[in-house]
Amino acid sequence: MVSTFCNENEALSAVSSKPDSFHVAIIEVTTGNNGNYKFLETAKDLPTIIVPVIQLLLGQVGIVSGDQMLSIWRYVVVGAVVAATVLTPSTDPPTQLIMASPLLGL
């Protein structure tokens, strides 16, 4: 089952109330949160993938701009599907697509 939250407090509440229901978290870290990493501090035992950190670093160093990232969206879709294929324990396509959808959402 995949759960999505757009609000950090909702995610914290869900993880705190049923910690055994979550096996991994994929989160987005933005520069607008003033270093507030409450989710990471609270769910420290939960394996967490922080996706935009790489994008932020590439942009800050000047290696890739936001326009360049948007222009390669097709490759991002293929990469997300390949990553889902590798990360999914089963070989059936529906499960792989379910795994790819949160990656694409980020």
PDB file of N, CA and C in Angstrom:
ATOM      1  N   MET A   1       0.840  -1.167   0.000  1.00  0.00           N
ATOM      2  CA  MET A   1       0.000   0.000   0.000  1.00  0.00           C
ATOM      3  C   MET A   1       0.896   1.245   0.000  1.00  0.00           C
ATOM      4  N   VAL A   2       0.497   2.238  -0.740  1.00  0.00           N
ATOM      5  CA  VAL A   2       1.229   3.495  -0.821  1.00  0.00           C
ATOM      6  C   VAL A   2       0.372   4.592  -0.208  1.00  0.00           C
ATOM      7  N   SER A   3       0.956   5.345   0.710  1.00  0.00           N
ATOM      8  CA  SER A   3       0.263   6.483   1.328  1.00  0.00           C
ATOM      9  C   SER A   3       0.982   7.755   0.935  1.00  0.00           C
ATOM     10  N   THR A   4       0.232   8.782   0.583  1.00  0.00           N
ATOM     11  CA  THR A   4       0.840  10.062   0.227  1.00  0.00           C
ATOM     12  C   THR A   4       0.293  11.150   1.143  1.00  0.00           C
ATOM     13  N   PHE A   5       1.167  12.072   1.477  1.00  0.00           N
ATOM     14  CA  PHE A   5       0.794  13.194   2.338  1.00  0.00           C
ATOM     15  C   PHE A   5       1.405  14.454   1.762  1.00  0.00           C
ATOM     16  N   CYS A   6       0.657  15.524   1.745  1.00  0.00           N
ATOM     17  CA  CYS A   6       1.149  16.820   1.274  1.00  0.00           C
ATOM     18  C   CYS A   6       1.512  17.726   2.442  1.00  0.00           C
ATOM     19  N   ASN A   7       1.212  17.299   3.629  1.00  0.00           N
ATOM     20  CA  ASN A   7       1.432  18.099   4.820  1.00  0.00           C
ATOM     21  C   ASN A   7       2.338  17.321   5.768  1.00  0.00           C
ATOM     22  N   GLU A   8       3.406  17.966   6.231  1.00  0.00           N
ATOM     23  CA  GLU A   8       4.353  17.293   7.118  1.00  0.00           C
ATOM     24  C   GLU A   8       3.692  16.814   8.404  1.00  0.00           C
ATOM     25  N   ASN A   9       2.783  17.608   8.954  1.00  0.00           N
ATOM     26  CA  ASN A   9       2.127  17.225  10.205  1.00  0.00           C
ATOM     27  C   ASN A   9       1.240  15.999  10.032  1.00  0.00           C
ATOM     28  N   GLU A  10       0.567  15.890   8.884  1.00  0.00           N
ATOM     29  CA  GLU A  10      -0.254  14.705   8.612  1.00  0.00           C
ATOM     30  C   GLU A  10       0.630  13.465   8.507  1.00  0.00           C
ATOM     31  N   ALA A  11       1.754  13.602   7.818  1.00  0.00           N
ATOM     32  CA  ALA A  11       2.680  12.478   7.674  1.00  0.00           C
ATOM     33  C   ALA A  11       3.227  12.053   9.037  1.00  0.00           C
ATOM     34  N   LEU A  12       3.593  13.027   9.855  1.00  0.00           N
ATOM     35  CA  LEU A  12       4.094  12.721  11.199  1.00  0.00           C
ATOM     36  C   LEU A  12       3.046  12.010  12.040  1.00  0.00           C
ATOM     37  N   SER A  13       1.813  12.470  11.953  1.00  0.00           N
ATOM     38  CA  SER A  13       0.735  11.855  12.706  1.00  0.00           C
ATOM     39  C   SER A  13       0.529  10.403  12.272  1.00  0.00           C
ATOM     40  N   ALA A  14       0.545  10.174  10.967  1.00  0.00           N
ATOM     41  CA  ALA A  14       0.334   8.812  10.453  1.00  0.00           C
ATOM     42  C   ALA A  14       1.470   7.881  10.857  1.00  0.00           C
ATOM     43  N   VAL A  15       2.700   8.355  10.737  1.00  0.00           N
ATOM     44  CA  VAL A  15       3.855   7.518  11.079  1.00  0.00           C
ATOM     45  C   VAL A  15       3.903   7.277  12.588  1.00  0.00           C
ATOM     46  N   SER A  16       3.556   8.280  13.371  1.00  0.00           N
ATOM     47  CA  SER A  16       3.582   8.130  14.830  1.00  0.00           C
ATOM     48  C   SER A  16       2.497   7.182  15.331  1.00  0.00           C
ATOM     49  N   SER A  17       1.312   7.220  14.691  1.00  0.00           N
ATOM     50  CA  SER A  17       0.199   6.388  15.175  1.00  0.00           C
ATOM     51  C   SER A  17       0.345   4.928  14.761  1.00  0.00           C
ATOM     52  N   LYS A  18       0.931   4.672  13.591  1.00  0.00           N
ATOM     53  CA  LYS A  18       1.090   3.290  13.112  1.00  0.00           C
ATOM     54  C   LYS A  18       2.488   3.102  12.517  1.00  0.00           C
ATOM     55  N   PRO A  19       3.521   3.106  13.340  1.00  0.00           N
ATOM     56  CA  PRO A  19       4.883   3.023  12.802  1.00  0.00           C
ATOM     57  C   PRO A  19       5.177   1.718  12.067  1.00  0.00           C
ATOM     58  N   ASP A  20       4.513   0.626  12.425  1.00  0.00           N
ATOM     59  CA  ASP A  20       4.760  -0.654  11.768  1.00  0.00           C
ATOM     60  C   ASP A  20       4.145  -0.733  10.377  1.00  0.00           C
ATOM     61  N   SER A  21       3.279   0.223  10.028  1.00  0.00           N
ATOM     62  CA  SER A  21       2.626   0.221   8.720  1.00  0.00           C
ATOM     63  C   SER A  21       3.501   0.816   7.624  1.00  0.00           C
ATOM     64  N   PHE A  22       4.595   1.442   8.002  1.00  0.00           N
ATOM     65  CA  PHE A  22       5.446   2.124   7.030  1.00  0.00           C
ATOM     66  C   PHE A  22       6.810   1.445   6.967  1.00  0.00           C
ATOM     67  N   HIS A  23       7.268   1.178   5.749  1.00  0.00           N
ATOM     68  CA  HIS A  23       8.546   0.497   5.559  1.00  0.00           C
ATOM     69  C   HIS A  23       9.620   1.428   4.998  1.00  0.00           C
ATOM     70  N   VAL A  24       9.212   2.461   4.278  1.00  0.00           N
ATOM     71  CA  VAL A  24      10.151   3.429   3.705  1.00  0.00           C
ATOM     72  C   VAL A  24       9.404   4.732   3.479  1.00  0.00           C
ATOM     73  N   ALA A  25      10.126   5.834   3.534  1.00  0.00           N
ATOM     74  CA  ALA A  25       9.531   7.139   3.257  1.00  0.00           C
ATOM     75  C   ALA A  25      10.317   7.807   2.146  1.00  0.00           C
ATOM     76  N   ILE A  26       9.610   8.395   1.219  1.00  0.00           N
ATOM     77  CA  ILE A  26      10.220   9.203   0.159  1.00  0.00           C
ATOM     78  C   ILE A  26       9.733  10.619   0.406  1.00  0.00           C
ATOM     79  N   ILE A  27      10.656  11.513   0.753  1.00  0.00           N
ATOM     80  CA  ILE A  27      10.239  12.853   1.130  1.00  0.00           C
ATOM     81  C   ILE A  27      10.896  13.900   0.239  1.00  0.00           C
ATOM     82  N   GLU A  28      10.274  15.055   0.235  1.00  0.00           N
ATOM     83  CA  GLU A  28      10.785  16.204  -0.495  1.00  0.00           C
ATOM     84  C   GLU A  28      11.241  17.240   0.520  1.00  0.00           C
ATOM     85  N   VAL A  29      12.465  17.679   0.367  1.00  0.00           N
ATOM     86  CA  VAL A  29      12.993  18.710   1.244  1.00  0.00           C
ATOM     87  C   VAL A  29      13.152  19.966   0.411  1.00  0.00           C
ATOM     88  N   THR A  30      12.536  21.050   0.868  1.00  0.00           N
ATOM     89  CA  THR A  30      12.648  22.315   0.148  1.00  0.00           C
ATOM     90  C   THR A  30      13.430  23.303   0.986  1.00  0.00           C
ATOM     91  N   THR A  31      13.908  24.347   0.345  1.00  0.00           N
ATOM     92  CA  THR A  31      14.688  25.344   1.066  1.00  0.00           C
ATOM     93  C   THR A  31      13.802  26.262   1.881  1.00  0.00           C
ATOM     94  N   GLY A  32      12.500  26.242   1.660  1.00  0.00           N
ATOM     95  CA  GLY A  32      11.596  27.138   2.351  1.00  0.00           C
ATOM     96  C   GLY A  32      11.212  26.704   3.756  1.00  0.00           C
ATOM     97  N   ASN A  33      11.690  25.554   4.220  1.00  0.00           N
ATOM     98  CA  ASN A  33      11.270  25.103   5.542  1.00  0.00           C
ATOM     99  C   ASN A  33      12.231  25.523   6.649  1.00  0.00           C
ATOM    100  N   ASN A  34      13.170  26.377   6.358  1.00  0.00           N
ATOM    101  CA  ASN A  34      14.088  26.946   7.352  1.00  0.00           C
ATOM    102  C   ASN A  34      14.810  25.888   8.185  1.00  0.00           C
ATOM    103  N   GLY A  35      15.183  24.796   7.557  1.00  0.00           N
ATOM    104  CA  GLY A  35      15.935  23.761   8.257  1.00  0.00           C
ATOM    105  C   GLY A  35      15.111  22.935   9.224  1.00  0.00           C
ATOM    106  N   ASN A  36      13.802  23.000   9.113  1.00  0.00           N
ATOM    107  CA  ASN A  36      12.938  22.252  10.012  1.00  0.00           C
ATOM    108  C   ASN A  36      12.780  20.831   9.477  1.00  0.00           C
ATOM    109  N   TYR A  37      13.474  19.899  10.071  1.00  0.00           N
ATOM    110  CA  TYR A  37      13.444  18.513   9.623  1.00  0.00           C
ATOM    111  C   TYR A  37      12.752  17.643  10.666  1.00  0.00           C
ATOM    112  N   LYS A  38      11.574  18.082  11.082  1.00  0.00           N
ATOM    113  CA  LYS A  38      10.825  17.400  12.126  1.00  0.00           C
ATOM    114  C   LYS A  38      10.510  15.955  11.734  1.00  0.00           C
ATOM    115  N   PHE A  39      10.162  15.733  10.455  1.00  0.00           N
ATOM    116  CA  PHE A  39       9.831  14.370  10.025  1.00  0.00           C
ATOM    117  C   PHE A  39      11.043  13.463  10.176  1.00  0.00           C
ATOM    118  N   LEU A  40      12.212  13.926   9.738  1.00  0.00           N
ATOM    119  CA  LEU A  40      13.420  13.107   9.827  1.00  0.00           C
ATOM    120  C   LEU A  40      13.798  12.825  11.278  1.00  0.00           C
ATOM    121  N   GLU A  41      13.590  13.793  12.151  1.00  0.00           N
ATOM    122  CA  GLU A  41      13.904  13.601  13.561  1.00  0.00           C
ATOM    123  C   GLU A  41      12.943  12.623  14.214  1.00  0.00           C
ATOM    124  N   THR A  42      11.670  12.699  13.858  1.00  0.00           N
ATOM    125  CA  THR A  42      10.655  11.851  14.474  1.00  0.00           C
ATOM    126  C   THR A  42      10.721  10.422  13.947  1.00  0.00           C
ATOM    127  N   ALA A  43      10.891  10.274  12.656  1.00  0.00           N
ATOM    128  CA  ALA A  43      10.894   8.948  12.025  1.00  0.00           C
ATOM    129  C   ALA A  43      12.322   8.491  11.746  1.00  0.00           C
ATOM    130  N   LYS A  44      13.203   8.634  12.716  1.00  0.00           N
ATOM    131  CA  LYS A  44      14.617   8.342  12.492  1.00  0.00           C
ATOM    132  C   LYS A  44      14.911   6.866  12.249  1.00  0.00           C
ATOM    133  N   ASP A  45      14.028   5.961  12.665  1.00  0.00           N
ATOM    134  CA  ASP A  45      14.242   4.538  12.428  1.00  0.00           C
ATOM    135  C   ASP A  45      13.678   4.080  11.086  1.00  0.00           C
ATOM    136  N   LEU A  46      12.956   4.948  10.411  1.00  0.00           N
ATOM    137  CA  LEU A  46      12.340   4.620   9.127  1.00  0.00           C
ATOM    138  C   LEU A  46      13.306   4.967   7.993  1.00  0.00           C
ATOM    139  N   PRO A  47      13.654   3.999   7.123  1.00  0.00           N
ATOM    140  CA  PRO A  47      14.518   4.332   5.986  1.00  0.00           C
ATOM    141  C   PRO A  47      13.864   5.429   5.147  1.00  0.00           C
ATOM    142  N   THR A  48      14.619   6.464   4.838  1.00  0.00           N
ATOM    143  CA  THR A  48      14.069   7.635   4.166  1.00  0.00           C
ATOM    144  C   THR A  48      14.900   7.991   2.948  1.00  0.00           C
ATOM    145  N   ILE A  49      14.216   8.243   1.836  1.00  0.00           N
ATOM    146  CA  ILE A  49      14.854   8.699   0.599  1.00  0.00           C
ATOM    147  C   ILE A  49      14.514  10.166   0.435  1.00  0.00           C
ATOM    148  N   ILE A  50      15.537  11.002   0.372  1.00  0.00           N
ATOM    149  CA  ILE A  50      15.333  12.442   0.211  1.00  0.00           C
ATOM    150  C   ILE A  50      15.680  12.776  -1.234  1.00  0.00           C
ATOM    151  N   VAL A  51      14.668  12.972  -2.051  1.00  0.00           N
ATOM    152  CA  VAL A  51      14.874  13.099  -3.488  1.00  0.00           C
ATOM    153  C   VAL A  51      15.467  14.441  -3.926  1.00  0.00           C
ATOM    154  N   PRO A  52      14.889  15.583  -3.606  1.00  0.00           N
ATOM    155  CA  PRO A  52      15.377  16.825  -4.199  1.00  0.00           C
ATOM    156  C   PRO A  52      16.727  17.318  -3.709  1.00  0.00           C
ATOM    157  N   VAL A  53      17.328  16.648  -2.744  1.00  0.00           N
ATOM    158  CA  VAL A  53      18.639  17.093  -2.275  1.00  0.00           C
ATOM    159  C   VAL A  53      19.635  17.082  -3.438  1.00  0.00           C
ATOM    160  N   ILE A  54      19.578  16.032  -4.254  1.00  0.00           N
ATOM    161  CA  ILE A  54      20.486  15.949  -5.401  1.00  0.00           C
ATOM    162  C   ILE A  54      20.181  17.074  -6.386  1.00  0.00           C
ATOM    163  N   GLN A  55      18.900  17.325  -6.643  1.00  0.00           N
ATOM    164  CA  GLN A  55      18.526  18.405  -7.557  1.00  0.00           C
ATOM    165  C   GLN A  55      18.981  19.752  -7.019  1.00  0.00           C
ATOM    166  N   LEU A  56      18.808  19.962  -5.739  1.00  0.00           N
ATOM    167  CA  LEU A  56      19.222  21.222  -5.118  1.00  0.00           C
ATOM    168  C   LEU A  56      20.728  21.420  -5.238  1.00  0.00           C
ATOM    169  N   LEU A  57      21.488  20.371  -4.971  1.00  0.00           N
ATOM    170  CA  LEU A  57      22.946  20.473  -5.073  1.00  0.00           C
ATOM    171  C   LEU A  57      23.392  20.746  -6.513  1.00  0.00           C
ATOM    172  N   LEU A  58      22.793  20.053  -7.461  1.00  0.00           N
ATOM    173  CA  LEU A  58      23.148  20.276  -8.867  1.00  0.00           C
ATOM    174  C   LEU A  58      22.827  21.700  -9.297  1.00  0.00           C
ATOM    175  N   GLY A  59      21.709  22.241  -8.830  1.00  0.00           N
ATOM    176  CA  GLY A  59      21.334  23.609  -9.170  1.00  0.00           C
ATOM    177  C   GLY A  59      22.215  24.640  -8.503  1.00  0.00           C
ATOM    178  N   GLN A  60      22.551  24.424  -7.228  1.00  0.00           N
ATOM    179  CA  GLN A  60      23.374  25.380  -6.497  1.00  0.00           C
ATOM    180  C   GLN A  60      24.798  25.445  -7.042  1.00  0.00           C
ATOM    181  N   VAL A  61      25.324  24.312  -7.462  1.00  0.00           N
ATOM    182  CA  VAL A  61      26.682  24.266  -8.006  1.00  0.00           C
ATOM    183  C   VAL A  61      26.706  24.815  -9.433  1.00  0.00           C
ATOM    184  N   GLY A  62      25.540  24.837 -10.082  1.00  0.00           N
ATOM    185  CA  GLY A  62      25.460  25.358 -11.444  1.00  0.00           C
ATOM    186  C   GLY A  62      25.691  24.319 -12.519  1.00  0.00           C
ATOM    187  N   ILE A  63      25.615  23.049 -12.137  1.00  0.00           N
ATOM    188  CA  ILE A  63      25.812  21.971 -13.113  1.00  0.00           C
ATOM    189  C   ILE A  63      24.584  21.836 -14.005  1.00  0.00           C
ATOM    190  N   VAL A  64      23.388  21.909 -13.402  1.00  0.00           N
ATOM    191  CA  VAL A  64      22.141  21.760 -14.142  1.00  0.00           C
ATOM    192  C   VAL A  64      21.164  22.836 -13.666  1.00  0.00           C
ATOM    193  N   SER A  65      20.502  23.510 -14.608  1.00  0.00           N
ATOM    194  CA  SER A  65      19.502  24.519 -14.246  1.00  0.00           C
ATOM    195  C   SER A  65      18.114  23.877 -14.180  1.00  0.00           C
ATOM    196  N   GLY A  66      17.166  24.609 -13.639  1.00  0.00           N
ATOM    197  CA  GLY A  66      15.793  24.111 -13.566  1.00  0.00           C
ATOM    198  C   GLY A  66      15.202  23.853 -14.949  1.00  0.00           C
ATOM    199  N   ASP A  67      15.509  24.721 -15.908  1.00  0.00           N
ATOM    200  CA  ASP A  67      15.024  24.528 -17.282  1.00  0.00           C
ATOM    201  C   ASP A  67      15.594  23.254 -17.890  1.00  0.00           C
ATOM    202  N   GLN A  68      16.852  22.976 -17.612  1.00  0.00           N
ATOM    203  CA  GLN A  68      17.463  21.750 -18.137  1.00  0.00           C
ATOM    204  C   GLN A  68      16.804  20.518 -17.519  1.00  0.00           C
ATOM    205  N   MET A  69      16.499  20.605 -16.217  1.00  0.00           N
ATOM    206  CA  MET A  69      15.831  19.468 -15.570  1.00  0.00           C
ATOM    207  C   MET A  69      14.456  19.219 -16.173  1.00  0.00           C
ATOM    208  N   LEU A  70      13.723  20.299 -16.469  1.00  0.00           N
ATOM    209  CA  LEU A  70      12.399  20.132 -17.077  1.00  0.00           C
ATOM    210  C   LEU A  70      12.479  19.591 -18.496  1.00  0.00           C
ATOM    211  N   SER A  71      13.550  19.909 -19.198  1.00  0.00           N
ATOM    212  CA  SER A  71      13.660  19.469 -20.593  1.00  0.00           C
ATOM    213  C   SER A  71      13.963  17.971 -20.709  1.00  0.00           C
ATOM    214  N   ILE A  72      14.402  17.340 -19.631  1.00  0.00           N
ATOM    215  CA  ILE A  72      14.741  15.914 -19.700  1.00  0.00           C
ATOM    216  C   ILE A  72      13.702  15.041 -18.987  1.00  0.00           C
ATOM    217  N   TRP A  73      12.460  15.513 -18.920  1.00  0.00           N
ATOM    218  CA  TRP A  73      11.436  14.791 -18.172  1.00  0.00           C
ATOM    219  C   TRP A  73      11.201  13.384 -18.701  1.00  0.00           C
ATOM    220  N   ARG A  74      11.397  13.166 -19.987  1.00  0.00           N
ATOM    221  CA  ARG A  74      11.196  11.813 -20.546  1.00  0.00           C
ATOM    222  C   ARG A  74      12.196  10.827 -19.942  1.00  0.00           C
ATOM    223  N   TYR A  75      13.419  11.268 -19.776  1.00  0.00           N
ATOM    224  CA  TYR A  75      14.449  10.413 -19.190  1.00  0.00           C
ATOM    225  C   TYR A  75      14.167  10.162 -17.712  1.00  0.00           C
ATOM    226  N   VAL A  76      13.570  11.142 -17.052  1.00  0.00           N
ATOM    227  CA  VAL A  76      13.207  10.975 -15.646  1.00  0.00           C
ATOM    228  C   VAL A  76      12.132   9.895 -15.510  1.00  0.00           C
ATOM    229  N   VAL A  77      11.175   9.885 -16.421  1.00  0.00           N
ATOM    230  CA  VAL A  77      10.118   8.861 -16.397  1.00  0.00           C
ATOM    231  C   VAL A  77      10.738   7.478 -16.581  1.00  0.00           C
ATOM    232  N   VAL A  78      11.602   7.346 -17.563  1.00  0.00           N
ATOM    233  CA  VAL A  78      12.254   6.053 -17.807  1.00  0.00           C
ATOM    234  C   VAL A  78      13.095   5.655 -16.592  1.00  0.00           C
ATOM    235  N   GLY A  79      13.834   6.609 -16.024  1.00  0.00           N
ATOM    236  CA  GLY A  79      14.656   6.322 -14.845  1.00  0.00           C
ATOM    237  C   GLY A  79      13.823   5.884 -13.648  1.00  0.00           C
ATOM    238  N   ALA A  80      12.668   6.523 -13.448  1.00  0.00           N
ATOM    239  CA  ALA A  80      11.788   6.151 -12.339  1.00  0.00           C
ATOM    240  C   ALA A  80      11.237   4.739 -12.521  1.00  0.00           C
ATOM    241  N   VAL A  81      10.885   4.399 -13.751  1.00  0.00           N
ATOM    242  CA  VAL A  81      10.364   3.057 -14.017  1.00  0.00           C
ATOM    243  C   VAL A  81      11.467   2.013 -13.830  1.00  0.00           C
ATOM    244  N   VAL A  82      12.669   2.322 -14.282  1.00  0.00           N
ATOM    245  CA  VAL A  82      13.791   1.397 -14.096  1.00  0.00           C
ATOM    246  C   VAL A  82      14.099   1.240 -12.605  1.00  0.00           C
ATOM    247  N   ALA A  83      14.117   2.350 -11.865  1.00  0.00           N
ATOM    248  CA  ALA A  83      14.365   2.285 -10.421  1.00  0.00           C
ATOM    249  C   ALA A  83      13.288   1.463  -9.728  1.00  0.00           C
ATOM    250  N   ALA A  84      12.042   1.651 -10.122  1.00  0.00           N
ATOM    251  CA  ALA A  84      10.944   0.877  -9.535  1.00  0.00           C
ATOM    252  C   ALA A  84      11.092  -0.605  -9.841  1.00  0.00           C
ATOM    253  N   THR A  85      11.561  -0.910 -11.039  1.00  0.00           N
ATOM    254  CA  THR A  85      11.770  -2.302 -11.417  1.00  0.00           C
ATOM    255  C   THR A  85      12.834  -2.948 -10.537  1.00  0.00           C
ATOM    256  N   VAL A  86      13.885  -2.199 -10.262  1.00  0.00           N
ATOM    257  CA  VAL A  86      14.971  -2.725  -9.435  1.00  0.00           C
ATOM    258  C   VAL A  86      14.541  -2.835  -7.971  1.00  0.00           C
ATOM    259  N   LEU A  87      13.776  -1.840  -7.478  1.00  0.00           N
ATOM    260  CA  LEU A  87      13.398  -1.802  -6.066  1.00  0.00           C
ATOM    261  C   LEU A  87      12.226  -2.712  -5.711  1.00  0.00           C
ATOM    262  N   THR A  88      11.417  -3.084  -6.693  1.00  0.00           N
ATOM    263  CA  THR A  88      10.234  -3.896  -6.430  1.00  0.00           C
ATOM    264  C   THR A  88      10.634  -5.358  -6.263  1.00  0.00           C
ATOM    265  N   PRO A  89      10.229  -5.976  -5.179  1.00  0.00           N
ATOM    266  CA  PRO A  89      10.611  -7.374  -4.956  1.00  0.00           C
ATOM    267  C   PRO A  89       9.926  -8.361  -5.901  1.00  0.00           C
ATOM    268  N   SER A  90       8.772  -8.011  -6.442  1.00  0.00           N
ATOM    269  CA  SER A  90       8.077  -8.926  -7.348  1.00  0.00           C
ATOM    270  C   SER A  90       8.319  -8.508  -8.794  1.00  0.00           C
ATOM    271  N   THR A  91       7.901  -9.350  -9.712  1.00  0.00           N
ATOM    272  CA  THR A  91       8.147  -9.079 -11.129  1.00  0.00           C
ATOM    273  C   THR A  91       6.892  -8.653 -11.887  1.00  0.00           C
ATOM    274  N   ASP A  92       5.770  -8.497 -11.206  1.00  0.00           N
ATOM    275  CA  ASP A  92       4.546  -8.145 -11.925  1.00  0.00           C
ATOM    276  C   ASP A  92       4.498  -6.632 -12.199  1.00  0.00           C
ATOM    277  N   PRO A  93       4.083  -6.252 -13.417  1.00  0.00           N
ATOM    278  CA  PRO A  93       4.043  -4.837 -13.821  1.00  0.00           C
ATOM    279  C   PRO A  93       3.173  -3.935 -12.961  1.00  0.00           C
ATOM    280  N   PRO A  94       1.997  -4.365 -12.473  1.00  0.00           N
ATOM    281  CA  PRO A  94       1.203  -3.446 -11.643  1.00  0.00           C
ATOM    282  C   PRO A  94       1.953  -2.984 -10.383  1.00  0.00           C
ATOM    283  N   THR A  95       2.658  -3.892  -9.743  1.00  0.00           N
ATOM    284  CA  THR A  95       3.416  -3.526  -8.554  1.00  0.00           C
ATOM    285  C   THR A  95       4.534  -2.555  -8.909  1.00  0.00           C
ATOM    286  N   GLN A  96       5.175  -2.782 -10.028  1.00  0.00           N
ATOM    287  CA  GLN A  96       6.245  -1.886 -10.462  1.00  0.00           C
ATOM    288  C   GLN A  96       5.704  -0.493 -10.778  1.00  0.00           C
ATOM    289  N   LEU A  97       4.530  -0.425 -11.389  1.00  0.00           N
ATOM    290  CA  LEU A  97       3.920   0.883 -11.669  1.00  0.00           C
ATOM    291  C   LEU A  97       3.505   1.600 -10.388  1.00  0.00           C
ATOM    292  N   ILE A  98       3.026   0.835  -9.408  1.00  0.00           N
ATOM    293  CA  ILE A  98       2.681   1.434  -8.120  1.00  0.00           C
ATOM    294  C   ILE A  98       3.930   2.011  -7.461  1.00  0.00           C
ATOM    295  N   MET A  99       5.051   1.321  -7.590  1.00  0.00           N
ATOM    296  CA  MET A  99       6.306   1.812  -7.027  1.00  0.00           C
ATOM    297  C   MET A  99       6.825   3.027  -7.805  1.00  0.00           C
ATOM    298  N   ALA A 100       6.625   3.055  -9.116  1.00  0.00           N
ATOM    299  CA  ALA A 100       7.112   4.156  -9.948  1.00  0.00           C
ATOM    300  C   ALA A 100       6.304   5.430  -9.749  1.00  0.00           C
ATOM    301  N   SER A 101       5.024   5.317  -9.421  1.00  0.00           N
ATOM    302  CA  SER A 101       4.173   6.507  -9.339  1.00  0.00           C
ATOM    303  C   SER A 101       4.630   7.515  -8.274  1.00  0.00           C
ATOM    304  N   PRO A 102       5.025   7.127  -7.048  1.00  0.00           N
ATOM    305  CA  PRO A 102       5.516   8.147  -6.129  1.00  0.00           C
ATOM    306  C   PRO A 102       6.833   8.755  -6.592  1.00  0.00           C
ATOM    307  N   LEU A 103       7.665   7.955  -7.249  1.00  0.00           N
ATOM    308  CA  LEU A 103       8.919   8.502  -7.770  1.00  0.00           C
ATOM    309  C   LEU A 103       8.655   9.566  -8.826  1.00  0.00           C
ATOM    310  N   LEU A 104       7.653   9.304  -9.672  1.00  0.00           N
ATOM    311  CA  LEU A 104       7.311  10.281 -10.698  1.00  0.00           C
ATOM    312  C   LEU A 104       6.658  11.516 -10.093  1.00  0.00           C
ATOM    313  N   GLY A 105       5.925  11.317  -9.009  1.00  0.00           N
ATOM    314  CA  GLY A 105       5.281  12.453  -8.350  1.00  0.00           C
ATOM    315  C   GLY A 105       6.260  13.443  -7.743  1.00  0.00           C
ATOM    316  N   LEU A 106       7.426  12.954  -7.419  1.00  0.00           N
ATOM    317  CA  LEU A 106       8.418  13.845  -6.841  1.00  0.00           C
ATOM    318  C   LEU A 106       9.088  14.641  -7.913  1.00  0.00           C
TER     319      LEU A 106
END
